N, C-alpha and C. Protein backbone atom coordinates (compact mmCIF):
# COMPACT_ATOMS: atom_id res chain seq x y z
N MET A 1 -10.20 24.60 -12.72
CA MET A 1 -8.95 23.78 -12.66
C MET A 1 -8.09 24.19 -11.43
N ALA A 2 -8.03 25.45 -11.19
CA ALA A 2 -7.32 25.90 -9.98
C ALA A 2 -7.83 25.32 -8.71
N PHE A 3 -9.09 25.17 -8.66
CA PHE A 3 -9.67 24.56 -7.41
C PHE A 3 -9.30 23.15 -7.28
N VAL A 4 -9.26 22.38 -8.37
CA VAL A 4 -8.90 20.96 -8.31
C VAL A 4 -7.45 20.89 -7.84
N LEU A 5 -6.51 21.74 -8.39
CA LEU A 5 -5.09 21.75 -7.98
C LEU A 5 -5.00 22.08 -6.46
N LEU A 6 -5.74 22.94 -5.97
CA LEU A 6 -5.78 23.39 -4.57
C LEU A 6 -6.14 22.11 -3.71
N VAL A 7 -7.24 21.41 -4.13
CA VAL A 7 -7.64 20.25 -3.37
C VAL A 7 -6.67 19.14 -3.36
N ILE A 8 -6.05 18.90 -4.51
CA ILE A 8 -4.93 17.89 -4.64
C ILE A 8 -3.84 18.26 -3.68
N ASN A 9 -3.45 19.54 -3.66
CA ASN A 9 -2.41 19.92 -2.81
C ASN A 9 -2.83 19.82 -1.27
N GLN A 10 -3.99 20.09 -0.90
CA GLN A 10 -4.41 19.92 0.42
C GLN A 10 -4.41 18.46 0.83
N LEU A 11 -4.80 17.56 -0.10
CA LEU A 11 -4.74 16.13 0.15
C LEU A 11 -3.30 15.63 0.40
N ILE A 12 -2.43 16.11 -0.44
CA ILE A 12 -1.01 15.73 -0.29
C ILE A 12 -0.47 16.18 1.05
N GLU A 13 -0.81 17.43 1.47
CA GLU A 13 -0.34 17.98 2.72
C GLU A 13 -0.92 17.25 3.89
N SER A 14 -2.24 16.91 3.82
CA SER A 14 -2.86 16.19 4.99
C SER A 14 -2.29 14.82 5.12
N GLN A 15 -2.03 14.15 3.95
CA GLN A 15 -1.42 12.81 4.01
C GLN A 15 0.05 12.89 4.49
N LYS A 16 0.81 13.87 4.07
CA LYS A 16 2.12 14.03 4.52
C LYS A 16 2.20 14.28 6.03
N GLU A 17 1.28 15.07 6.52
CA GLU A 17 1.20 15.33 8.01
C GLU A 17 0.84 14.10 8.71
N PHE A 18 -0.07 13.27 8.23
CA PHE A 18 -0.38 12.00 8.80
C PHE A 18 0.79 11.00 8.93
N LEU A 19 1.46 10.89 7.80
CA LEU A 19 2.63 10.03 7.68
C LEU A 19 3.76 10.49 8.58
N ASP A 20 4.04 11.82 8.62
CA ASP A 20 5.08 12.34 9.54
C ASP A 20 4.78 11.99 10.96
N LYS A 21 3.53 12.08 11.44
CA LYS A 21 3.25 11.80 12.79
C LYS A 21 3.30 10.23 13.03
N SER A 22 3.00 9.47 12.04
CA SER A 22 2.97 8.01 12.20
C SER A 22 4.28 7.33 12.05
N ASP A 23 5.27 8.01 11.35
CA ASP A 23 6.55 7.36 11.13
C ASP A 23 7.58 8.37 11.21
N PRO A 24 8.32 8.54 12.29
CA PRO A 24 9.42 9.55 12.41
C PRO A 24 10.63 9.21 11.60
N SER A 25 10.66 7.93 11.04
CA SER A 25 11.85 7.68 10.17
C SER A 25 11.82 8.34 8.81
N ILE A 26 10.70 8.91 8.48
CA ILE A 26 10.54 9.57 7.13
C ILE A 26 11.34 10.81 7.15
N ASP A 27 12.24 11.03 6.13
CA ASP A 27 13.08 12.18 6.08
C ASP A 27 12.70 13.15 4.99
N GLY A 28 11.95 12.69 3.98
CA GLY A 28 11.50 13.41 2.81
C GLY A 28 10.57 12.73 1.93
N TYR A 29 10.11 13.36 0.87
CA TYR A 29 9.01 12.78 0.07
C TYR A 29 9.31 13.10 -1.39
N ASN A 30 8.93 12.14 -2.30
CA ASN A 30 8.86 12.41 -3.71
C ASN A 30 7.34 12.52 -4.02
N ILE A 31 6.98 13.38 -4.89
CA ILE A 31 5.59 13.53 -5.26
C ILE A 31 5.57 13.51 -6.79
N GLY A 32 4.82 12.61 -7.36
CA GLY A 32 4.78 12.44 -8.76
C GLY A 32 3.47 12.01 -9.41
N MET A 33 3.37 12.28 -10.68
CA MET A 33 2.22 11.81 -11.46
C MET A 33 2.63 11.18 -12.80
N ASN A 34 2.04 10.10 -13.23
CA ASN A 34 2.38 9.59 -14.50
C ASN A 34 1.20 9.98 -15.43
N CYS A 35 1.40 10.78 -16.36
CA CYS A 35 0.42 11.35 -17.30
C CYS A 35 0.66 10.86 -18.70
N GLY A 36 -0.20 9.93 -19.08
CA GLY A 36 -0.03 9.30 -20.40
C GLY A 36 0.69 7.99 -20.43
N GLU A 37 0.34 7.17 -21.48
CA GLU A 37 0.98 5.85 -21.61
C GLU A 37 2.49 5.94 -21.66
N THR A 38 3.06 6.83 -22.37
CA THR A 38 4.52 6.96 -22.56
C THR A 38 5.23 7.22 -21.15
N ALA A 39 4.48 7.97 -20.31
CA ALA A 39 4.96 8.22 -18.92
C ALA A 39 4.76 7.06 -17.91
N GLY A 40 4.15 5.93 -18.37
CA GLY A 40 3.87 4.90 -17.53
C GLY A 40 2.54 4.68 -16.94
N GLN A 41 1.67 5.66 -17.34
CA GLN A 41 0.22 5.52 -16.80
C GLN A 41 -0.47 4.31 -17.56
N THR A 42 -1.10 3.43 -16.78
CA THR A 42 -1.79 2.33 -17.32
C THR A 42 -3.31 2.37 -17.18
N ILE A 43 -3.79 3.18 -16.12
CA ILE A 43 -5.20 3.40 -16.00
C ILE A 43 -5.38 4.91 -16.10
N PHE A 44 -6.19 5.36 -17.00
CA PHE A 44 -6.17 6.69 -17.37
C PHE A 44 -7.17 7.56 -16.41
N HIS A 45 -6.68 8.03 -15.39
CA HIS A 45 -7.39 8.81 -14.37
C HIS A 45 -6.32 9.71 -13.77
N CYS A 46 -6.81 10.65 -12.98
CA CYS A 46 -5.80 11.49 -12.15
C CYS A 46 -5.45 10.79 -10.94
N HIS A 47 -4.15 10.75 -10.70
CA HIS A 47 -3.52 10.11 -9.57
C HIS A 47 -2.20 10.71 -9.21
N VAL A 48 -1.90 10.77 -7.98
CA VAL A 48 -0.67 11.33 -7.44
C VAL A 48 0.03 10.41 -6.54
N HIS A 49 1.25 10.18 -6.68
CA HIS A 49 2.09 9.37 -5.88
C HIS A 49 2.70 10.23 -4.84
N LEU A 50 2.58 9.90 -3.51
CA LEU A 50 3.28 10.54 -2.44
C LEU A 50 4.17 9.44 -1.80
N ILE A 51 5.46 9.55 -2.11
CA ILE A 51 6.39 8.46 -1.76
C ILE A 51 7.34 8.86 -0.54
N PRO A 52 7.14 8.23 0.56
CA PRO A 52 7.97 8.59 1.78
C PRO A 52 9.41 8.05 1.43
N ARG A 53 10.36 8.92 1.81
CA ARG A 53 11.81 8.60 1.62
C ARG A 53 12.50 8.57 2.98
N ARG A 54 13.49 7.75 3.10
CA ARG A 54 14.34 7.73 4.28
C ARG A 54 15.82 7.73 3.96
N LYS A 55 16.65 8.32 4.77
CA LYS A 55 18.01 8.38 4.44
C LYS A 55 18.56 7.02 4.31
N GLY A 56 19.31 6.86 3.27
CA GLY A 56 19.89 5.45 3.02
C GLY A 56 18.91 4.53 2.32
N ASP A 57 17.76 4.89 1.89
CA ASP A 57 16.90 3.96 1.17
C ASP A 57 17.41 3.60 -0.19
N VAL A 58 18.24 4.46 -0.83
CA VAL A 58 18.98 4.28 -1.99
C VAL A 58 20.41 4.75 -1.80
N GLU A 59 21.27 4.24 -2.61
CA GLU A 59 22.72 4.59 -2.32
C GLU A 59 22.94 6.18 -2.65
N ASN A 60 22.26 6.59 -3.75
CA ASN A 60 22.48 8.00 -4.12
C ASN A 60 21.05 8.55 -4.44
N PRO A 61 20.43 9.34 -3.60
CA PRO A 61 19.08 9.77 -3.85
C PRO A 61 18.87 10.90 -4.96
N ARG A 62 20.05 11.39 -5.51
CA ARG A 62 19.97 12.39 -6.48
C ARG A 62 19.10 11.84 -7.71
N GLY A 63 18.12 12.68 -8.08
CA GLY A 63 17.28 12.21 -9.11
C GLY A 63 16.03 11.64 -8.74
N GLY A 64 15.73 11.61 -7.37
CA GLY A 64 14.44 11.14 -6.97
C GLY A 64 14.29 9.65 -6.88
N VAL A 65 13.14 9.15 -7.40
CA VAL A 65 12.79 7.76 -7.32
C VAL A 65 13.33 6.84 -8.52
N ARG A 66 14.05 7.48 -9.36
CA ARG A 66 14.56 6.69 -10.52
C ARG A 66 15.48 5.56 -10.14
N HIS A 67 16.15 5.62 -8.95
CA HIS A 67 17.10 4.65 -8.59
C HIS A 67 16.48 3.60 -7.73
N VAL A 68 15.25 3.65 -7.45
CA VAL A 68 14.54 2.64 -6.61
C VAL A 68 14.58 1.32 -7.29
N ILE A 69 14.56 1.22 -8.65
CA ILE A 69 14.83 -0.04 -9.33
C ILE A 69 16.15 -0.08 -9.84
N ALA A 70 16.93 -0.94 -9.20
CA ALA A 70 18.47 -1.08 -9.53
C ALA A 70 18.74 -1.08 -10.94
N GLY A 71 19.68 -0.17 -11.32
CA GLY A 71 20.19 -0.11 -12.69
C GLY A 71 19.34 0.64 -13.73
N LYS A 72 18.27 1.19 -13.28
CA LYS A 72 17.35 1.85 -14.25
C LYS A 72 17.38 3.43 -14.16
N GLY A 73 18.06 3.99 -13.24
CA GLY A 73 17.93 5.42 -13.03
C GLY A 73 19.04 6.30 -13.59
N HIS A 74 20.09 5.74 -14.18
CA HIS A 74 21.33 6.51 -14.47
C HIS A 74 21.15 7.07 -15.87
N TYR A 75 20.40 8.15 -16.05
CA TYR A 75 20.15 8.67 -17.42
C TYR A 75 21.47 9.46 -17.85
N GLU A 76 22.36 9.95 -16.88
CA GLU A 76 23.52 10.60 -17.25
C GLU A 76 24.47 9.83 -17.99
N ASP A 77 24.48 8.49 -17.82
CA ASP A 77 25.42 7.63 -18.58
C ASP A 77 24.68 6.85 -19.64
N GLY A 78 23.56 7.41 -20.01
CA GLY A 78 22.82 6.66 -21.20
C GLY A 78 22.03 5.41 -20.91
N LYS A 79 21.93 5.00 -19.64
CA LYS A 79 21.18 3.83 -19.32
C LYS A 79 19.72 4.21 -19.10
């Protein structure tokens, strides 16, 4: 299992390096996995999301990608 995690990490790092060279507007990344139906996984296999982020892509980036869908990310206020 440790080998698989190492290879996944190497893939993320290589793709991040590629994206950084290809698009200087990228300021950061979110990395995520949906594991299980309750977490939103619809096809049951191992997959990793590498999501490039840019300053200003959402009004308040606190909390990662939850705010990409308007009105869906404010867990602090019960939504």
